[in-house]
Amino acid sequence: MARFDMQLASDAAMGGENQADVFCEMGLAYATGRGRPVDLVAAHKWLNIAAIKGSDRAADLRADLAATMSKTDLAYALRAAREWMTVH
């Protein structure tokens, strides 16, 4: 994960403004390749975290993305989100 992403995630985890929106935007950036390579596992991870934090938009996007992912990649994404939530 890029330094920029780590700073955004850290700020949002610590109660930054609109934290669910920050995580949703990170998921969208990974899903679309905006400013970084496309990484569907990372995209699902951040959308999942955003959905957990209360973003209905992220929940919808996460469901759409999950329908296109392999079971293996989906499992990796879910595990990564769970690990992140445990630490933060």
N, C-alpha and C. Protein backbone atom coordinates (compact mmCIF):
# COMPACT_ATOMS: atom_id res chain seq x y z
N MET A 1 0.84 -1.16 0.00
CA MET A 1 0.00 0.00 0.00
C MET A 1 0.89 1.23 0.00
N ALA A 2 0.53 2.21 -0.77
CA ALA A 2 1.32 3.42 -0.89
C ALA A 2 1.28 4.23 0.40
N ARG A 3 2.29 5.06 0.58
CA ARG A 3 2.37 5.90 1.77
C ARG A 3 1.12 6.78 1.90
N PHE A 4 0.63 7.32 0.79
CA PHE A 4 -0.57 8.15 0.79
C PHE A 4 -1.76 7.38 1.34
N ASP A 5 -1.93 6.14 0.90
CA ASP A 5 -3.02 5.30 1.38
C ASP A 5 -2.90 5.04 2.86
N MET A 6 -1.69 4.77 3.32
CA MET A 6 -1.49 4.48 4.73
C MET A 6 -1.85 5.70 5.57
N GLN A 7 -1.50 6.88 5.11
CA GLN A 7 -1.82 8.09 5.86
C GLN A 7 -3.33 8.30 5.90
N LEU A 8 -4.01 8.14 4.76
CA LEU A 8 -5.46 8.28 4.74
C LEU A 8 -6.13 7.26 5.65
N ALA A 9 -5.70 6.03 5.57
CA ALA A 9 -6.29 4.97 6.40
C ALA A 9 -6.04 5.25 7.87
N SER A 10 -4.83 5.70 8.19
CA SER A 10 -4.51 5.99 9.58
C SER A 10 -5.35 7.14 10.10
N ASP A 11 -5.48 8.20 9.33
CA ASP A 11 -6.30 9.35 9.74
C ASP A 11 -7.75 8.95 9.91
N ALA A 12 -8.27 8.18 8.98
CA ALA A 12 -9.67 7.77 9.06
C ALA A 12 -9.91 6.83 10.24
N ALA A 13 -8.99 5.94 10.48
CA ALA A 13 -9.14 5.00 11.59
C ALA A 13 -9.15 5.72 12.93
N MET A 14 -8.47 6.83 12.99
CA MET A 14 -8.39 7.58 14.24
C MET A 14 -9.55 8.56 14.38
N GLY A 15 -10.59 8.39 13.58
CA GLY A 15 -11.77 9.22 13.73
C GLY A 15 -11.76 10.44 12.85
N GLY A 16 -10.99 10.40 11.77
CA GLY A 16 -10.98 11.51 10.84
C GLY A 16 -12.35 11.75 10.25
N GLU A 17 -12.52 12.93 9.72
CA GLU A 17 -13.80 13.32 9.14
C GLU A 17 -14.23 12.35 8.04
N ASN A 18 -15.49 11.97 8.07
CA ASN A 18 -16.08 11.14 7.02
C ASN A 18 -15.25 9.91 6.72
N GLN A 19 -14.87 9.18 7.75
CA GLN A 19 -13.96 8.05 7.56
C GLN A 19 -14.50 7.01 6.59
N ALA A 20 -15.78 6.72 6.60
CA ALA A 20 -16.33 5.74 5.67
C ALA A 20 -16.15 6.21 4.24
N ASP A 21 -16.30 7.51 4.01
CA ASP A 21 -16.14 8.07 2.67
C ASP A 21 -14.69 7.94 2.19
N VAL A 22 -13.74 8.13 3.10
CA VAL A 22 -12.32 7.99 2.75
C VAL A 22 -12.04 6.56 2.32
N PHE A 23 -12.52 5.60 3.09
CA PHE A 23 -12.30 4.20 2.75
C PHE A 23 -12.99 3.83 1.44
N CYS A 24 -14.18 4.37 1.22
CA CYS A 24 -14.90 4.10 -0.03
C CYS A 24 -14.10 4.64 -1.23
N GLU A 25 -13.58 5.83 -1.11
CA GLU A 25 -12.78 6.41 -2.19
C GLU A 25 -11.52 5.60 -2.44
N MET A 26 -10.91 5.08 -1.38
CA MET A 26 -9.73 4.23 -1.57
C MET A 26 -10.12 2.96 -2.34
N GLY A 27 -11.26 2.38 -1.98
CA GLY A 27 -11.73 1.20 -2.70
C GLY A 27 -11.98 1.49 -4.16
N LEU A 28 -12.61 2.62 -4.44
CA LEU A 28 -12.87 3.01 -5.83
C LEU A 28 -11.57 3.24 -6.59
N ALA A 29 -10.59 3.84 -5.94
CA ALA A 29 -9.31 4.09 -6.60
C ALA A 29 -8.65 2.78 -7.01
N TYR A 30 -8.68 1.79 -6.12
CA TYR A 30 -8.10 0.48 -6.47
C TYR A 30 -8.93 -0.24 -7.52
N ALA A 31 -10.24 -0.09 -7.48
CA ALA A 31 -11.10 -0.77 -8.44
C ALA A 31 -10.93 -0.21 -9.85
N THR A 32 -10.66 1.08 -9.94
CA THR A 32 -10.59 1.73 -11.25
C THR A 32 -9.17 2.00 -11.73
N GLY A 33 -8.20 1.83 -10.84
CA GLY A 33 -6.83 2.12 -11.21
C GLY A 33 -6.52 3.60 -11.20
N ARG A 34 -7.29 4.35 -10.47
CA ARG A 34 -7.09 5.80 -10.38
C ARG A 34 -5.89 6.09 -9.47
N GLY A 35 -4.76 6.44 -10.10
CA GLY A 35 -3.56 6.79 -9.35
C GLY A 35 -2.76 5.60 -8.85
N ARG A 36 -3.14 4.41 -9.24
CA ARG A 36 -2.48 3.19 -8.80
C ARG A 36 -2.91 2.05 -9.72
N PRO A 37 -2.20 0.93 -9.69
CA PRO A 37 -2.65 -0.22 -10.50
C PRO A 37 -3.98 -0.77 -9.98
N VAL A 38 -4.77 -1.32 -10.87
CA VAL A 38 -6.02 -1.96 -10.45
C VAL A 38 -5.68 -3.15 -9.56
N ASP A 39 -6.35 -3.23 -8.42
CA ASP A 39 -6.16 -4.32 -7.47
C ASP A 39 -7.52 -4.61 -6.84
N LEU A 40 -8.21 -5.61 -7.36
CA LEU A 40 -9.56 -5.88 -6.91
C LEU A 40 -9.62 -6.39 -5.48
N VAL A 41 -8.58 -7.08 -5.03
CA VAL A 41 -8.55 -7.54 -3.64
C VAL A 41 -8.48 -6.32 -2.71
N ALA A 42 -7.59 -5.40 -3.00
CA ALA A 42 -7.49 -4.18 -2.19
C ALA A 42 -8.76 -3.36 -2.29
N ALA A 43 -9.35 -3.29 -3.47
CA ALA A 43 -10.59 -2.53 -3.65
C ALA A 43 -11.69 -3.10 -2.77
N HIS A 44 -11.84 -4.40 -2.79
CA HIS A 44 -12.88 -5.04 -1.97
C HIS A 44 -12.59 -4.82 -0.48
N LYS A 45 -11.34 -4.94 -0.10
CA LYS A 45 -10.95 -4.72 1.30
C LYS A 45 -11.42 -3.35 1.77
N TRP A 46 -11.07 -2.30 1.03
CA TRP A 46 -11.42 -0.94 1.46
C TRP A 46 -12.91 -0.68 1.37
N LEU A 47 -13.57 -1.23 0.36
CA LEU A 47 -15.03 -1.07 0.27
C LEU A 47 -15.71 -1.79 1.43
N ASN A 48 -15.19 -2.94 1.80
CA ASN A 48 -15.73 -3.69 2.93
C ASN A 48 -15.59 -2.89 4.22
N ILE A 49 -14.42 -2.32 4.44
CA ILE A 49 -14.20 -1.51 5.63
C ILE A 49 -15.13 -0.30 5.64
N ALA A 50 -15.28 0.34 4.49
CA ALA A 50 -16.19 1.49 4.39
C ALA A 50 -17.62 1.07 4.70
N ALA A 51 -18.02 -0.08 4.21
CA ALA A 51 -19.38 -0.57 4.48
C ALA A 51 -19.56 -0.85 5.97
N ILE A 52 -18.56 -1.44 6.59
CA ILE A 52 -18.62 -1.70 8.03
C ILE A 52 -18.73 -0.39 8.80
N LYS A 53 -18.08 0.65 8.30
CA LYS A 53 -18.11 1.95 8.95
C LYS A 53 -19.39 2.73 8.65
N GLY A 54 -20.28 2.14 7.80
CA GLY A 54 -21.59 2.76 7.60
C GLY A 54 -21.89 3.30 6.22
N SER A 55 -21.05 3.07 5.24
CA SER A 55 -21.29 3.59 3.90
C SER A 55 -22.17 2.63 3.08
N ASP A 56 -23.40 3.06 2.82
CA ASP A 56 -24.29 2.25 1.99
C ASP A 56 -23.78 2.15 0.56
N ARG A 57 -23.19 3.23 0.07
CA ARG A 57 -22.63 3.23 -1.29
C ARG A 57 -21.53 2.17 -1.40
N ALA A 58 -20.66 2.12 -0.40
CA ALA A 58 -19.57 1.13 -0.41
C ALA A 58 -20.13 -0.29 -0.36
N ALA A 59 -21.19 -0.49 0.39
CA ALA A 59 -21.80 -1.83 0.48
C ALA A 59 -22.31 -2.27 -0.89
N ASP A 60 -22.94 -1.35 -1.61
CA ASP A 60 -23.44 -1.68 -2.95
C ASP A 60 -22.29 -1.96 -3.92
N LEU A 61 -21.26 -1.11 -3.87
CA LEU A 61 -20.11 -1.31 -4.75
C LEU A 61 -19.37 -2.60 -4.42
N ARG A 62 -19.27 -2.90 -3.14
CA ARG A 62 -18.62 -4.13 -2.70
C ARG A 62 -19.34 -5.36 -3.24
N ALA A 63 -20.66 -5.34 -3.19
CA ALA A 63 -21.45 -6.47 -3.71
C ALA A 63 -21.24 -6.64 -5.21
N ASP A 64 -21.23 -5.53 -5.93
CA ASP A 64 -21.00 -5.59 -7.39
C ASP A 64 -19.62 -6.14 -7.69
N LEU A 65 -18.64 -5.67 -6.95
CA LEU A 65 -17.26 -6.12 -7.16
C LEU A 65 -17.11 -7.60 -6.82
N ALA A 66 -17.70 -8.03 -5.72
CA ALA A 66 -17.58 -9.42 -5.28
C ALA A 66 -18.12 -10.38 -6.34
N ALA A 67 -19.14 -9.95 -7.07
CA ALA A 67 -19.73 -10.81 -8.11
C ALA A 67 -18.75 -11.07 -9.26
N THR A 68 -17.71 -10.24 -9.39
CA THR A 68 -16.75 -10.40 -10.48
C THR A 68 -15.46 -11.09 -10.04
N MET A 69 -15.32 -11.34 -8.74
CA MET A 69 -14.07 -11.87 -8.19
C MET A 69 -14.12 -13.38 -8.03
N SER A 70 -12.94 -13.99 -8.08
CA SER A 70 -12.85 -15.42 -7.80
C SER A 70 -13.06 -15.64 -6.30
N LYS A 71 -13.43 -16.85 -5.93
CA LYS A 71 -13.62 -17.17 -4.51
C LYS A 71 -12.32 -16.99 -3.73
N THR A 72 -11.22 -17.33 -4.36
CA THR A 72 -9.92 -17.20 -3.70
C THR A 72 -9.60 -15.73 -3.43
N ASP A 73 -9.77 -14.87 -4.44
CA ASP A 73 -9.50 -13.45 -4.26
C ASP A 73 -10.45 -12.83 -3.24
N LEU A 74 -11.68 -13.26 -3.28
CA LEU A 74 -12.66 -12.75 -2.31
C LEU A 74 -12.25 -13.13 -0.88
N ALA A 75 -11.78 -14.35 -0.71
CA ALA A 75 -11.33 -14.80 0.61
C ALA A 75 -10.13 -13.97 1.08
N TYR A 76 -9.18 -13.68 0.17
CA TYR A 76 -8.04 -12.84 0.52
C TYR A 76 -8.50 -11.45 0.95
N ALA A 77 -9.46 -10.88 0.21
CA ALA A 77 -9.95 -9.54 0.52
C ALA A 77 -10.65 -9.50 1.87
N LEU A 78 -11.47 -10.50 2.14
CA LEU A 78 -12.17 -10.55 3.42
C LEU A 78 -11.20 -10.70 4.58
N ARG A 79 -10.19 -11.53 4.38
CA ARG A 79 -9.17 -11.73 5.42
C ARG A 79 -8.40 -10.43 5.66
N ALA A 80 -8.05 -9.73 4.58
CA ALA A 80 -7.30 -8.48 4.72
C ALA A 80 -8.12 -7.43 5.46
N ALA A 81 -9.41 -7.34 5.16
CA ALA A 81 -10.27 -6.38 5.86
C ALA A 81 -10.39 -6.74 7.33
N ARG A 82 -10.56 -8.01 7.61
CA ARG A 82 -10.68 -8.47 9.00
C ARG A 82 -9.40 -8.16 9.77
N GLU A 83 -8.25 -8.41 9.16
CA GLU A 83 -6.97 -8.12 9.82
C GLU A 83 -6.83 -6.63 10.08
N TRP A 84 -7.19 -5.81 9.09
CA TRP A 84 -7.09 -4.38 9.25
C TRP A 84 -7.99 -3.89 10.38
N MET A 85 -9.21 -4.40 10.41
CA MET A 85 -10.15 -3.99 11.46
C MET A 85 -9.68 -4.42 12.85
N THR A 86 -9.00 -5.55 12.94
CA THR A 86 -8.47 -6.02 14.21
C THR A 86 -7.40 -5.09 14.76
N VAL A 87 -6.55 -4.59 13.87
CA VAL A 87 -5.45 -3.73 14.27
C VAL A 87 -5.93 -2.30 14.53
N HIS A 88 -6.92 -1.86 13.77
CA HIS A 88 -7.36 -0.46 13.87
C HIS A 88 -8.70 -0.42 14.55
